[in-house]
Structure formats: structure tokens, C-alpha cells
Amino acid sequence: MGQLIIGVDPHKRSATIEIINEREQVLARGRYGTDTGGYQQLLAAGRRHAGRVWAVEGCNGIGRHLAQRLVADGETVLDVPAKLAAKARNFDTGHGRKTDGHDAHHIAVTALRTPGLHQVRADGATVALRLLADRRDQLGATRTETINRLHQLLLELIPGGAKKNLTTDQARTLLERVSVPAGDIVTATRYQLAGDLVDELTTLDTKIKAANRQLTTVLAATGTQLTSLNGIGPSGAARLLGDIGDIHRFPTRGHFATWNGTAPIDVSSGDHHHHRLNRAGNRRINRVLHIMVITQLRYDTPARAYYQHKRAEGKTAMEAMRALKRRLSDTVYRQMIKDAAAATTPATDPGGHTGATRNSSAADPNPKIDTSEKSQPGPANHHPKTSPTPTP
């Protein structure tokens, strides 16, 4: 009782707020800058009201800079997803006009009516991992673009071009064998540009190695056991921790699967009951899980036995892989829950975290993939090298 909600519609240089009480009565409105002076005015306007809770839209996006400043100043901040605020605006009376004032109002109303919204915490190691993972991905994309441009030039300088998996030293050796005819300005220009690209690749390789070392160091400090799962390396573990953050914001592994896109969508109609692939999830996390699937299918693992069992049931290769990916999504969820529990368990507690084995990632129960919210049954007991007995 007496709680006040301050809805915040954030932008880069300004923020619009609306303060409402538990009866949705508007107490104050305002628009403030996000510079130092404007932020202090916004903070002072909010602190005039006791029992306040700040509701900021998109705390993992455009609202991050403002939400983190509020948390650092000791304020309670809730993350309001933009999709929920948009639904409140569409179902409100009027014409659903999208203005900063209307957005701030519907953000506040959404926070008031929606239980279980994620409370924003101060940035920690997971944010550093996300930044490092983003940097590593950007360096990799830049290197791929550079090597493609180099291949195009080498094809015009050397008959047949160079091999696909070309290293920097090999490219430099190939360029040393190229003879540039005197007076041929076109070949000379190509040769010069190719040399510049080789120098760029050398610099990029150095930066990538340094980024990998830094990422591994920060990852080791978190104490996570995600890298013990077969198919998840340091880069994949950093992406999982960085993008997911607090795993407890997902009440169940079904919610986690829905978020990362591994839970299928029910498209049943009448007596026809089937599913289709969900493409609306987090694609970066889905990519980590896909690499995990491909890696485990290469070896004699429980994941491979499970995949073959699904194929024997009559599922297509895509359907069997989708089921396996959902299975591994559940495994990642459980491992992150264990890591979170181990981080809060004293070291002297004999019941602490016991780690995981490299071949345990698919030895968990068969998922019921007919819905993304159903819990999974008990653990399977089949031998990894034999296909499990089909359930009736």
C-alpha cells in the first residue's frame, strides 16, 4: 500500500517520466535531460515521493544507461519490456497514440499491473563478459571480411587464387612469389592493396589473441562450469553469461527455451497437431546451442544416441536436431542454476557444487516438446552407446 510507480520513457539525451499511485492516479509528469544537470533534476523529482519504484523501459537496451545510474544512486528499478508496454498502449482507450508522455504512462501502468518484473542490478562481471564477447565477434567478422577481400585480389594476381583456409603467413609467402611487370599499374595496385590487407590481418590476429586471453581471464573469475559441457568453449560460455545475466529471471527451463528460440511453436488446428521452428528467440544464444549440438553429434555421446533415437521414431533430421537443441538448452539452464547456487554457497558447506562431466550434457530426461512450458520427466538411464527404448 502506498507504493508509487515512476514510469520512465528513456532516450539518448532525454527522459520523460510519469508518477502514478496504486489507483493509477497521475501525481506528476516531466521531461528531463540525461546530462548531469538534467539527471539530478529527474532524481530530485522522483525523491519527493516516498515508497517509489522506478519502471524503466528497455533496461538492456536504450534504457540501460539511465537504469544503471539510478541503481548506483540506491534507487529500486524494474525492467519493463517494450513489448508489454506496447500492449498496454494498444489496449488503452483513445487511439493508441505513441508519444513520450503516453509511453511513460503505459510503462508505469505495466509495472503496476505486472507481477514478477525483473529488478535491475548493478553491472557486474556478466556485463564485462558481454562486452568482451561482442568485441571478439566484431573482430572475427572484420577478419572474415578482410580475408574475403584478400582472396579476391589473390585470384587476380595468382592463377587459381589461394586455398580457402589461408593463414597470414601463407598469404605473405604467396605475395612474395608474385612478379609485377614494369609499368603495369593495375597489377602494382592490386599487389599493394593485397599487402595492406595482409598487414591488417596480422594486426587483427594479434587483437583476437589478446581478446581471447582477456575473455578467458574474466570468465575464470566467475567460477562458472559451463565450459565443462561438451561443445561450449570460453567464447560460448561468455556469450551465455553476458546475454543471459541473471538466470533466475527465467522461472523455469521452459521459459528459458522460449526466450532462446529452442522451444517449438504449437501450430495445431483441429485434429492436426504439429509444431514449427520458433525463429523469434535470441539468435546469439541459439547459435551457441547450435554449435553445441553439432560438436556433440560428431562423437559417440548421449546426444548422438538421442538424435539417432529420434530419427528412428520417424522424425526428420531438422526435427530431431530441434529436439536435441531443446534438450541441451535445458542442460545449460540447469548448469547455470547450479553455478548461481554455488556462487552463494559457502566454501565450507559440504553440500556445495560438485561440478559436471563432459559427457553429461545430453544424459538428461527426454523433453516434452509439444509445449515450451512443460517441465521435463526424470533422468534417463540408458547407456550412451545404445539407443534408448522408445517410450509408449
Protein backbone atom coordinates (compact mmCIF):
# COMPACT_ATOMS: atom_id res chain seq x y z
CA MET A 1 0.00 0.00 0.00
CA GLY A 2 1.19 3.49 -0.78
CA GLN A 3 3.63 2.34 -3.45
CA LEU A 4 4.30 4.79 -6.25
CA ILE A 5 5.46 3.88 -9.74
CA ILE A 6 7.64 6.25 -11.77
CA GLY A 7 7.34 5.27 -15.41
CA VAL A 8 10.35 6.32 -17.47
CA ASP A 9 10.45 6.53 -21.26
CA PRO A 10 14.22 6.79 -21.91
CA HIS A 11 16.02 8.27 -24.88
CA LYS A 12 19.65 9.07 -25.53
CA ARG A 13 19.51 12.74 -24.47
CA SER A 14 16.20 12.98 -22.61
CA ALA A 15 13.78 11.01 -20.45
CA THR A 16 10.04 11.50 -19.90
CA ILE A 17 8.53 10.37 -16.60
CA GLU A 18 5.06 9.96 -15.13
CA ILE A 19 4.37 9.17 -11.47
CA ILE A 20 1.22 7.22 -10.57
CA ASN A 21 -0.11 5.68 -7.37
CA GLU A 22 -1.65 2.24 -6.84
CA ARG A 23 -5.01 3.55 -8.17
CA GLU A 24 -3.32 4.71 -11.41
CA GLN A 25 -3.88 8.35 -10.49
CA VAL A 26 -1.31 10.61 -12.09
CA LEU A 27 0.66 12.58 -9.49
CA ALA A 28 3.32 14.26 -11.64
CA ARG A 29 4.80 14.39 -15.11
CA GLY A 30 8.02 15.77 -16.51
CA ARG A 31 10.69 15.70 -19.16
CA TYR A 32 14.35 15.93 -18.23
CA GLY A 33 17.70 15.79 -19.95
CA THR A 34 20.08 12.89 -19.38
CA ASP A 35 23.14 15.07 -18.89
CA THR A 36 24.45 15.65 -15.37
CA GLY A 37 22.16 18.58 -14.57
CA GLY A 38 19.06 17.06 -16.13
CA TYR A 39 19.60 13.73 -14.37
CA GLN A 40 19.91 15.45 -10.98
CA GLN A 41 16.59 17.23 -11.62
CA LEU A 42 14.94 13.92 -12.60
CA LEU A 43 16.30 12.23 -9.47
CA ALA A 44 15.11 15.09 -7.24
CA ALA A 45 11.63 14.96 -8.80
CA GLY A 46 11.37 11.25 -8.02
CA ARG A 47 12.73 11.52 -4.49
CA ARG A 48 9.95 13.86 -3.48
CA HIS A 49 7.74 10.75 -3.24
CA ALA A 50 8.24 8.04 -0.63
CA GLY A 51 7.74 4.36 -1.47
CA ARG A 52 8.75 4.93 -5.07
CA VAL A 53 9.78 2.32 -7.62
CA TRP A 54 11.28 3.33 -10.95
CA ALA A 55 10.00 1.47 -14.02
CA VAL A 56 12.36 1.94 -16.97
CA GLU A 57 11.66 0.58 -20.44
CA GLY A 58 14.37 -1.47 -22.12
CA CYS A 59 16.96 -1.73 -19.33
CA ASN A 60 19.04 -4.00 -21.55
CA GLY A 61 18.84 -1.54 -24.45
CA ILE A 62 18.33 2.19 -24.72
CA GLY A 63 17.33 2.42 -21.06
CA ARG A 64 20.49 0.78 -19.71
CA HIS A 65 22.46 4.00 -19.18
CA LEU A 66 19.67 5.60 -17.15
CA ALA A 67 18.71 2.47 -15.19
CA GLN A 68 22.31 1.86 -14.10
CA ARG A 69 22.67 5.44 -12.91
CA LEU A 70 19.51 5.10 -10.82
CA VAL A 71 20.66 1.79 -9.33
CA ALA A 72 24.04 3.33 -8.49
CA ASP A 73 22.19 6.06 -6.58
CA GLY A 74 20.35 3.48 -4.46
CA GLU A 75 17.02 3.51 -6.30
CA THR A 76 14.84 0.46 -6.96
CA VAL A 77 14.46 -0.05 -10.71
CA LEU A 78 12.25 -2.51 -12.59
CA ASP A 79 12.86 -3.51 -16.20
CA VAL A 80 9.69 -3.10 -18.29
CA PRO A 81 9.89 -4.95 -21.64
CA ALA A 82 8.92 -2.75 -24.57
CA LYS A 83 6.50 -5.41 -25.82
CA LEU A 84 4.46 -5.31 -22.61
CA ALA A 85 4.27 -1.52 -22.64
CA ALA A 86 3.20 -1.58 -26.29
CA LYS A 87 0.36 -4.00 -25.47
CA ALA A 88 -0.85 -1.72 -22.68
CA ARG A 89 -0.85 1.22 -25.10
CA ASN A 90 -2.74 -0.68 -27.80
CA PHE A 91 -5.48 -1.78 -25.40
CA ASP A 92 -5.87 1.59 -23.73
CA THR A 93 -8.74 3.95 -24.51
CA GLY A 94 -8.15 6.60 -27.13
CA HIS A 95 -6.32 5.99 -30.36
CA GLY A 96 -3.14 4.39 -29.01
CA ARG A 97 -1.07 7.46 -29.84
CA LYS A 98 2.63 6.91 -29.37
CA THR A 99 4.14 9.97 -27.73
CA ASP A 100 6.75 10.20 -24.98
CA GLY A 101 4.07 11.14 -22.45
CA HIS A 102 1.80 8.25 -23.42
CA ASP A 103 4.75 5.85 -23.38
CA ALA A 104 5.77 6.91 -19.86
CA HIS A 105 2.18 6.42 -18.67
CA HIS A 106 1.84 2.94 -20.13
CA ILE A 107 5.27 1.94 -18.80
CA ALA A 108 4.14 2.91 -15.31
CA VAL A 109 0.80 1.13 -15.68
CA THR A 110 2.51 -2.01 -16.97
CA ALA A 111 4.87 -2.05 -13.98
CA LEU A 112 1.93 -1.59 -11.61
CA ARG A 113 -0.15 -4.40 -13.11
CA THR A 114 2.57 -6.93 -13.95
CA PRO A 115 4.00 -9.02 -11.10
CA GLY A 116 7.45 -10.56 -11.29
CA LEU A 117 9.21 -7.91 -13.38
CA HIS A 118 13.00 -8.21 -13.30
CA GLN A 119 14.70 -5.88 -10.84
CA VAL A 120 17.76 -4.23 -12.29
CA ARG A 121 21.08 -4.85 -10.56
CA ALA A 122 24.36 -3.01 -10.87
CA ASP A 123 26.55 -4.09 -13.77
CA GLY A 124 28.96 -6.86 -12.84
CA ALA A 125 31.22 -9.45 -14.43
CA THR A 126 28.48 -10.68 -16.76
CA VAL A 127 28.29 -7.25 -18.41
CA ALA A 128 32.07 -7.29 -18.89
CA LEU A 129 31.75 -10.73 -20.50
CA ARG A 130 29.05 -9.47 -22.85
CA LEU A 131 31.24 -6.55 -23.91
CA LEU A 132 34.23 -8.83 -24.44
CA ALA A 133 32.13 -11.37 -26.37
CA ASP A 134 30.76 -8.59 -28.58
CA ARG A 135 34.29 -7.32 -29.20
CA ARG A 136 35.51 -10.82 -30.07
CA ASP A 137 32.63 -11.32 -32.52
CA GLN A 138 33.31 -7.94 -34.14
CA LEU A 139 36.98 -8.79 -34.59
CA GLY A 140 36.06 -12.14 -36.11
CA ALA A 141 33.60 -10.53 -38.53
CA THR A 142 36.19 -7.93 -39.54
CA ARG A 143 38.79 -10.65 -40.15
CA THR A 144 36.35 -12.63 -42.31
CA GLU A 145 35.60 -9.55 -44.40
CA THR A 146 39.32 -8.79 -44.76
CA ILE A 147 40.24 -12.34 -45.78
CA ASN A 148 37.45 -12.33 -48.39
CA ARG A 149 38.81 -9.13 -49.94
CA LEU A 150 42.29 -10.64 -49.92
CA HIS A 151 41.05 -13.78 -51.68
CA GLN A 152 39.52 -11.63 -54.42
CA LEU A 153 42.80 -9.83 -55.06
CA LEU A 154 44.88 -13.02 -54.93
CA LEU A 155 42.60 -14.61 -57.53
CA GLU A 156 43.52 -11.77 -59.89
CA LEU A 157 47.22 -11.91 -59.01
CA ILE A 158 47.74 -15.70 -58.92
CA PRO A 159 46.17 -18.18 -61.35
CA GLY A 160 43.62 -20.22 -59.38
CA GLY A 161 43.90 -17.96 -56.34
CA ALA A 162 44.69 -19.23 -52.84
CA LYS A 163 43.27 -22.06 -50.78
CA LYS A 164 40.22 -21.50 -48.61
CA ASN A 165 41.82 -21.77 -45.15
CA LEU A 166 44.52 -19.19 -45.76
CA THR A 167 46.76 -18.05 -42.92
CA THR A 168 48.54 -14.72 -42.75
CA ASP A 169 52.00 -16.26 -43.22
CA GLN A 170 50.81 -18.27 -46.22
CA ALA A 171 49.30 -15.17 -47.82
CA ARG A 172 52.54 -13.25 -47.30
CA THR A 173 54.53 -16.10 -48.88
CA LEU A 174 52.22 -16.15 -51.91
CA LEU A 175 52.62 -12.40 -52.40
CA GLU A 176 56.40 -12.71 -52.33
CA ARG A 177 56.19 -15.03 -55.34
CA VAL A 178 54.12 -12.58 -57.40
CA SER A 179 56.07 -10.74 -60.06
CA VAL A 180 54.80 -7.29 -61.03
CA PRO A 181 55.60 -6.35 -64.65
CA ALA A 182 57.23 -2.97 -65.06
CA GLY A 183 54.75 -0.28 -66.00
CA ASP A 184 51.69 -2.43 -65.12
CA ILE A 185 49.92 -0.03 -62.78
CA VAL A 186 46.87 -2.30 -62.34
CA THR A 187 48.89 -5.29 -61.10
CA ALA A 188 51.03 -3.00 -58.94
CA THR A 189 47.92 -1.54 -57.33
CA ARG A 190 46.46 -4.96 -56.66
CA TYR A 191 49.76 -6.08 -55.17
CA GLN A 192 49.89 -3.05 -52.91
CA LEU A 193 46.31 -3.49 -51.70
CA ALA A 194 46.88 -7.19 -51.06
CA GLY A 195 49.94 -6.34 -48.98
CA ASP A 196 47.93 -3.83 -46.96
CA LEU A 197 45.28 -6.48 -46.31
CA VAL A 198 47.92 -8.95 -45.11
CA ASP A 199 49.21 -6.30 -42.69
CA GLU A 200 45.63 -5.72 -41.49
CA LEU A 201 45.21 -9.47 -40.93
CA THR A 202 48.38 -9.56 -38.85
CA THR A 203 47.04 -6.77 -36.64
CA LEU A 204 43.63 -8.41 -36.36
CA ASP A 205 45.15 -11.77 -35.37
CA THR A 206 47.10 -10.04 -32.60
CA LYS A 207 43.94 -8.31 -31.34
CA ILE A 208 41.94 -11.55 -31.48
CA LYS A 209 44.54 -13.40 -29.40
CA ALA A 210 44.55 -10.60 -26.83
CA ALA A 211 40.74 -10.56 -26.73
CA ASN A 212 40.66 -14.32 -26.20
CA ARG A 213 43.11 -14.09 -23.31
CA GLN A 214 41.16 -11.30 -21.63
CA LEU A 215 37.86 -13.11 -22.12
CA THR A 216 39.26 -16.33 -20.62
CA THR A 217 40.64 -14.44 -17.61
CA VAL A 218 37.34 -12.72 -16.81
CA LEU A 219 35.44 -15.99 -17.39
CA ALA A 220 37.66 -17.88 -14.95
CA ALA A 221 36.98 -15.26 -12.27
CA THR A 222 33.24 -16.04 -12.40
CA GLY A 223 33.79 -19.69 -11.42
CA THR A 224 31.31 -20.95 -14.00
CA GLN A 225 31.29 -24.62 -15.01
CA LEU A 226 29.66 -24.03 -18.40
CA THR A 227 32.90 -24.87 -20.19
CA SER A 228 32.71 -28.38 -18.71
CA LEU A 229 29.77 -29.06 -21.02
CA ASN A 230 30.88 -30.63 -24.27
CA GLY A 231 30.62 -28.12 -27.12
CA ILE A 232 30.77 -24.90 -25.08
CA GLY A 233 34.12 -23.15 -25.16
CA PRO A 234 35.17 -19.91 -23.44
CA SER A 235 33.61 -17.77 -26.16
CA GLY A 236 30.27 -19.59 -25.95
CA ALA A 237 30.25 -19.50 -22.15
CA ALA A 238 30.96 -15.76 -22.21
CA ARG A 239 28.10 -15.22 -24.65
CA LEU A 240 25.71 -17.21 -22.45
CA LEU A 241 26.66 -15.39 -19.25
CA GLY A 242 26.83 -12.00 -20.89
CA ASP A 243 23.48 -12.12 -22.71
CA ILE A 244 21.55 -14.01 -20.02
CA GLY A 245 22.87 -12.22 -16.94
CA ASP A 246 20.77 -13.42 -14.00
CA ILE A 247 19.49 -16.89 -14.84
CA HIS A 248 16.83 -16.61 -12.12
CA ARG A 249 14.89 -14.16 -14.27
CA PHE A 250 13.62 -17.31 -16.04
CA PRO A 251 11.22 -19.12 -13.66
CA THR A 252 11.59 -22.45 -15.47
CA ARG A 253 13.71 -24.00 -18.16
CA GLY A 254 10.65 -23.82 -20.39
CA HIS A 255 10.70 -20.02 -20.15
CA PHE A 256 14.42 -20.09 -20.92
CA ALA A 257 13.81 -22.26 -24.00
CA THR A 258 11.09 -19.91 -25.20
CA TRP A 259 13.44 -16.95 -24.83
CA ASN A 260 16.36 -18.53 -26.70
CA GLY A 261 14.18 -19.88 -29.51
CA THR A 262 14.65 -23.61 -28.95
CA ALA A 263 11.04 -24.20 -27.87
CA PRO A 264 8.81 -25.08 -30.86
CA ILE A 265 5.61 -23.19 -31.57
CA ASP A 266 2.31 -25.06 -31.46
CA VAL A 267 0.52 -24.54 -34.81
CA SER A 268 -2.17 -27.17 -34.28
CA SER A 269 -5.56 -26.83 -35.92
CA GLY A 270 -8.46 -29.20 -35.34
CA ASP A 271 -7.24 -32.78 -35.34
CA HIS A 272 -3.88 -31.81 -36.86
CA HIS A 273 -1.31 -31.42 -34.07
CA HIS A 274 2.18 -30.33 -35.06
CA HIS A 275 4.84 -27.71 -34.37
CA ARG A 276 7.12 -25.44 -36.29
CA LEU A 277 10.50 -23.95 -35.50
CA ASN A 278 10.47 -20.77 -33.43
CA ARG A 279 12.62 -18.12 -35.09
CA ALA A 280 11.76 -15.29 -32.70
CA GLY A 281 14.23 -16.18 -29.93
CA ASN A 282 17.65 -14.83 -29.07
CA ARG A 283 19.66 -15.76 -32.14
CA ARG A 284 23.06 -15.37 -30.50
CA ILE A 285 22.21 -17.81 -27.71
CA ASN A 286 20.58 -20.13 -30.26
CA ARG A 287 23.83 -20.09 -32.24
CA VAL A 288 25.82 -21.16 -29.16
CA LEU A 289 23.41 -24.05 -28.63
CA HIS A 290 23.60 -25.00 -32.32
CA ILE A 291 27.40 -25.22 -32.13
CA MET A 292 26.99 -27.35 -29.01
CA VAL A 293 24.67 -29.70 -30.93
CA ILE A 294 26.99 -30.01 -33.92
CA THR A 295 30.00 -30.69 -31.69
CA GLN A 296 28.28 -33.45 -29.72
CA LEU A 297 26.91 -35.12 -32.85
CA ARG A 298 30.45 -35.65 -34.13
CA TYR A 299 31.32 -38.09 -31.36
CA ASP A 300 29.80 -41.09 -29.59
CA THR A 301 27.89 -39.14 -26.95
CA PRO A 302 24.46 -39.44 -25.31
CA ALA A 303 23.40 -36.55 -27.54
CA ARG A 304 24.18 -38.57 -30.64
CA ALA A 305 22.28 -41.57 -29.27
CA TYR A 306 19.31 -39.34 -28.51
CA TYR A 307 19.42 -37.86 -32.01
CA GLN A 308 19.52 -41.32 -33.61
CA HIS A 309 16.63 -42.42 -31.39
CA LYS A 310 14.53 -39.50 -32.63
CA ARG A 311 15.37 -40.35 -36.25
CA ALA A 312 14.35 -43.96 -35.60
CA GLU A 313 10.98 -42.67 -34.37
CA GLY A 314 10.40 -41.19 -37.81
CA LYS A 315 11.39 -37.57 -37.21
CA THR A 316 13.21 -35.66 -39.89
CA ALA A 317 16.78 -34.52 -39.38
CA MET A 318 15.62 -30.97 -38.62
CA GLU A 319 13.00 -32.16 -36.12
CA ALA A 320 15.49 -34.44 -34.36
CA MET A 321 18.06 -31.63 -34.15
CA ARG A 322 15.41 -29.26 -32.83
CA ALA A 323 14.51 -31.74 -30.09
CA LEU A 324 18.18 -32.21 -29.21
CA LYS A 325 18.77 -28.47 -29.11
CA ARG A 326 15.87 -28.07 -26.69
CA ARG A 327 17.37 -30.86 -24.58
CA LEU A 328 20.73 -29.12 -24.42
CA SER A 329 19.01 -25.82 -23.66
CA ASP A 330 17.60 -27.49 -20.53
CA THR A 331 21.09 -28.72 -19.67
CA VAL A 332 22.57 -25.24 -19.95
CA TYR A 333 19.76 -23.85 -17.79
CA ARG A 334 20.39 -26.42 -15.06
CA GLN A 335 24.14 -25.81 -15.14
CA MET A 336 23.67 -22.05 -14.78
CA ILE A 337 21.29 -22.62 -11.85
CA LYS A 338 23.97 -24.81 -10.22
CA ASP A 339 26.61 -22.15 -10.84
CA ALA A 340 24.40 -19.49 -9.28
CA ALA A 341 23.79 -21.70 -6.24
CA ALA A 342 27.50 -22.48 -5.91
CA ALA A 343 28.31 -18.76 -6.01
CA THR A 344 26.07 -18.18 -2.97
CA THR A 345 27.05 -21.36 -1.05
CA PRO A 346 29.88 -21.02 1.49
CA ALA A 347 33.03 -22.93 0.62
CA THR A 348 32.80 -24.92 3.88
CA ASP A 349 29.34 -26.24 3.04
CA PRO A 350 29.70 -29.98 2.28
CA GLY A 351 26.63 -29.81 0.05
CA GLY A 352 28.12 -27.36 -2.40
CA HIS A 353 28.50 -27.58 -6.15
CA THR A 354 30.02 -30.83 -7.42
CA GLY A 355 30.71 -29.79 -10.98
CA ALA A 356 29.71 -31.60 -14.17
CA THR A 357 31.15 -34.13 -16.58
CA ARG A 358 31.95 -33.54 -20.24
CA ASN A 359 29.64 -36.33 -21.41
CA SER A 360 26.62 -35.45 -19.27
CA SER A 361 25.12 -32.72 -21.41
CA ALA A 362 22.54 -34.97 -23.10
CA ALA A 363 22.03 -37.61 -20.40
CA ASP A 364 19.07 -35.72 -19.03
CA PRO A 365 15.36 -36.56 -19.48
CA ASN A 366 13.62 -36.61 -22.81
CA PRO A 367 11.92 -33.24 -23.31
CA LYS A 368 8.20 -32.96 -24.00
CA ILE A 369 8.48 -30.66 -26.97
CA ASP A 370 4.75 -30.25 -27.51
CA THR A 371 4.83 -27.12 -25.36
CA SER A 372 7.57 -24.79 -24.24
CA GLU A 373 6.33 -24.52 -20.66
CA LYS A 374 6.07 -28.20 -19.65
CA SER A 375 8.58 -29.49 -17.15
CA GLN A 376 10.69 -32.50 -18.03
CA PRO A 377 10.41 -36.03 -16.53
CA GLY A 378 13.07 -37.84 -14.51
CA PRO A 379 16.56 -38.72 -15.78
CA ALA A 380 17.15 -41.31 -18.47
CA ASN A 381 19.10 -44.45 -17.57
CA HIS A 382 20.15 -45.78 -20.99
CA HIS A 383 23.76 -46.50 -21.88
CA PRO A 384 25.38 -43.76 -24.02
CA LYS A 385 26.30 -46.18 -26.79
CA THR A 386 22.89 -47.72 -27.15
CA SER A 387 19.70 -46.12 -28.31
CA PRO A 388 17.14 -45.54 -25.55
CA THR A 389 13.99 -47.60 -25.51
CA PRO A 390 11.13 -45.67 -27.08
CA THR A 391 8.53 -44.54 -24.58
CA PRO A 392 4.92 -45.55 -25.27
